[in-house]
C-alpha atoms as a PDB file:
ATOM      1  CA  UNK A   1    -112.229 -24.376 -40.518  1.00  0.00           C
ATOM      2  CA  UNK A   2    -110.275 -20.963 -41.119  1.00  0.00           C
ATOM      3  CA  UNK A   3    -106.851 -21.259 -42.784  1.00  0.00           C
ATOM      4  CA  UNK A   4    -103.412 -20.353 -40.670  1.00  0.00           C
ATOM      5  CA  UNK A   5    -102.300 -17.149 -42.246  1.00  0.00           C
ATOM      6  CA  UNK A   6     -99.150 -17.467 -40.245  1.00  0.00           C
ATOM      7  CA  UNK A   7     -98.077 -20.993 -41.511  1.00  0.00           C
ATOM      8  CA  UNK A   8     -95.232 -20.845 -43.865  1.00  0.00           C
ATOM      9  CA  UNK A   9     -95.103 -22.789 -46.797  1.00  0.00           C
ATOM     10  CA  UNK A  10     -92.173 -25.090 -48.367  1.00  0.00           C
ATOM     11  CA  UNK A  11     -91.673 -21.958 -50.484  1.00  0.00           C
ATOM     12  CA  UNK A  12     -91.747 -19.703 -47.602  1.00  0.00           C
ATOM     13  CA  UNK A  13     -89.070 -21.814 -45.871  1.00  0.00           C
ATOM     14  CA  UNK A  14     -86.630 -22.800 -48.922  1.00  0.00           C
ATOM     15  CA  UNK A  15     -86.246 -18.596 -49.334  1.00  0.00           C
ATOM     16  CA  UNK A  16     -85.889 -18.599 -45.583  1.00  0.00           C
ATOM     17  CA  UNK A  17     -82.659 -21.128 -45.716  1.00  0.00           C
ATOM     18  CA  UNK A  18     -81.443 -19.744 -48.630  1.00  0.00           C
ATOM     19  CA  UNK A  19     -80.603 -16.070 -47.659  1.00  0.00           C
ATOM     20  CA  UNK A  20     -79.792 -17.656 -44.313  1.00  0.00           C
ATOM     21  CA  UNK A  21     -77.033 -20.384 -45.397  1.00  0.00           C
ATOM     22  CA  UNK A  22     -76.956 -19.558 -48.847  1.00  0.00           C
ATOM     23  CA  UNK A  23     -73.767 -21.602 -49.447  1.00  0.00           C
ATOM     24  CA  UNK A  24     -74.357 -24.476 -47.326  1.00  0.00           C
ATOM     25  CA  UNK A  25     -75.335 -27.685 -49.413  1.00  0.00           C
ATOM     26  CA  UNK A  26     -79.440 -28.110 -49.380  1.00  0.00           C
ATOM     27  CA  UNK A  27     -78.946 -31.426 -50.748  1.00  0.00           C
ATOM     28  CA  UNK A  28     -77.034 -33.854 -52.723  1.00  0.00           C
ATOM     29  CA  UNK A  29     -77.668 -34.988 -55.790  1.00  0.00           C
ATOM     30  CA  UNK A  30     -76.329 -38.860 -56.926  1.00  0.00           C
ATOM     31  CA  UNK A  31     -76.147 -39.416 -60.460  1.00  0.00           C
ATOM     32  CA  UNK A  32     -76.138 -43.367 -62.007  1.00  0.00           C
ATOM     33  CA  UNK A  33     -72.578 -43.017 -62.760  1.00  0.00           C
ATOM     34  CA  UNK A  34     -71.350 -42.961 -59.027  1.00  0.00           C
ATOM     35  CA  UNK A  35     -70.621 -39.254 -59.334  1.00  0.00           C
ATOM     36  CA  UNK A  36     -72.929 -36.293 -56.916  1.00  0.00           C
ATOM     37  CA  UNK A  37     -73.287 -33.226 -57.254  1.00  0.00           C
ATOM     38  CA  UNK A  38     -73.927 -30.595 -53.874  1.00  0.00           C
ATOM     39  CA  UNK A  39     -76.719 -28.109 -54.899  1.00  0.00           C
ATOM     40  CA  UNK A  40     -77.011 -25.311 -52.397  1.00  0.00           C
ATOM     41  CA  UNK A  41     -79.920 -23.465 -50.828  1.00  0.00           C
ATOM     42  CA  UNK A  42     -79.186 -20.587 -52.987  1.00  0.00           C
ATOM     43  CA  UNK A  43     -78.828 -22.464 -55.853  1.00  0.00           C
ATOM     44  CA  UNK A  44     -81.834 -24.691 -55.086  1.00  0.00           C
ATOM     45  CA  UNK A  45     -83.967 -21.307 -54.572  1.00  0.00           C
ATOM     46  CA  UNK A  46     -82.958 -20.242 -57.975  1.00  0.00           C
ATOM     47  CA  UNK A  47     -83.774 -23.349 -59.775  1.00  0.00           C
ATOM     48  CA  UNK A  48     -87.184 -23.349 -57.917  1.00  0.00           C
ATOM     49  CA  UNK A  49     -87.600 -19.264 -59.226  1.00  0.00           C
ATOM     50  CA  UNK A  50     -86.795 -20.141 -62.930  1.00  0.00           C
ATOM     51  CA  UNK A  51     -88.862 -23.239 -63.198  1.00  0.00           C
ATOM     52  CA  UNK A  52     -91.531 -21.078 -61.651  1.00  0.00           C
ATOM     53  CA  UNK A  53     -91.020 -18.062 -64.047  1.00  0.00           C
ATOM     54  CA  UNK A  54     -91.098 -20.893 -67.109  1.00  0.00           C
ATOM     55  CA  UNK A  55     -94.093 -22.636 -66.017  1.00  0.00           C
ATOM     56  CA  UNK A  56     -95.705 -18.866 -65.681  1.00  0.00           C
ATOM     57  CA  UNK A  57     -95.228 -18.860 -69.786  1.00  0.00           C
ATOM     58  CA  UNK A  58     -97.146 -21.696 -70.853  1.00  0.00           C
ATOM     59  CA  UNK A  59    -100.395 -20.310 -70.428  1.00  0.00           C
ATOM     60  CA  UNK A  60    -101.514 -23.667 -68.136  1.00  0.00           C
ATOM     61  CA  UNK A  61    -105.407 -23.489 -67.532  1.00  0.00           C
ATOM     62  CA  UNK A  62    -106.068 -23.277 -64.018  1.00  0.00           C
ATOM     63  CA  UNK A  63    -105.661 -25.603 -61.022  1.00  0.00           C
ATOM     64  CA  UNK A  64    -103.162 -27.743 -63.602  1.00  0.00           C
ATOM     65  CA  UNK A  65    -101.621 -30.647 -62.047  1.00  0.00           C
ATOM     66  CA  UNK A  66     -98.588 -27.887 -62.564  1.00  0.00           C
ATOM     67  CA  UNK A  67     -97.125 -26.269 -59.514  1.00  0.00           C
ATOM     68  CA  UNK A  68     -96.503 -22.488 -59.860  1.00  0.00           C
ATOM     69  CA  UNK A  69     -95.789 -20.268 -57.008  1.00  0.00           C
ATOM     70  CA  UNK A  70     -95.180 -16.890 -58.955  1.00  0.00           C
ATOM     71  CA  UNK A  71     -98.667 -15.390 -57.731  1.00  0.00           C
ATOM     72  CA  UNK A  72     -96.721 -15.205 -54.076  1.00  0.00           C
ATOM     73  CA  UNK A  73     -94.470 -12.376 -53.520  1.00  0.00           C
ATOM     74  CA  UNK A  74     -91.088 -13.621 -51.681  1.00  0.00           C
ATOM     75  CA  UNK A  75     -88.105 -11.795 -51.142  1.00  0.00           C
ATOM     76  CA  UNK A  76     -86.059 -12.979 -53.880  1.00  0.00           C
ATOM     77  CA  UNK A  77     -84.025  -9.808 -54.503  1.00  0.00           C
ATOM     78  CA  UNK A  78     -82.560 -10.679 -51.179  1.00  0.00           C
ATOM     79  CA  UNK A  79     -80.692 -13.698 -51.772  1.00  0.00           C
ATOM     80  CA  UNK A  80     -78.457 -11.948 -54.876  1.00  0.00           C
END
């Protein structure tokens, strides 16, 4: 069965919504002390980009259990 080249990944969807609604709340993170932190779509996309860049510097072997999407070309410059 051939892969669907039009299928968007979760990462594509994250960057789409970060571009369309950057300041809208993506999720609310609760903490044990009862406080919460709202994370916007733009902040979530930034965190994902930074973690991916960090993982890429670790020199992990191919097919490691750590996931990195640095091989994808995404419009991150459009988010700023």
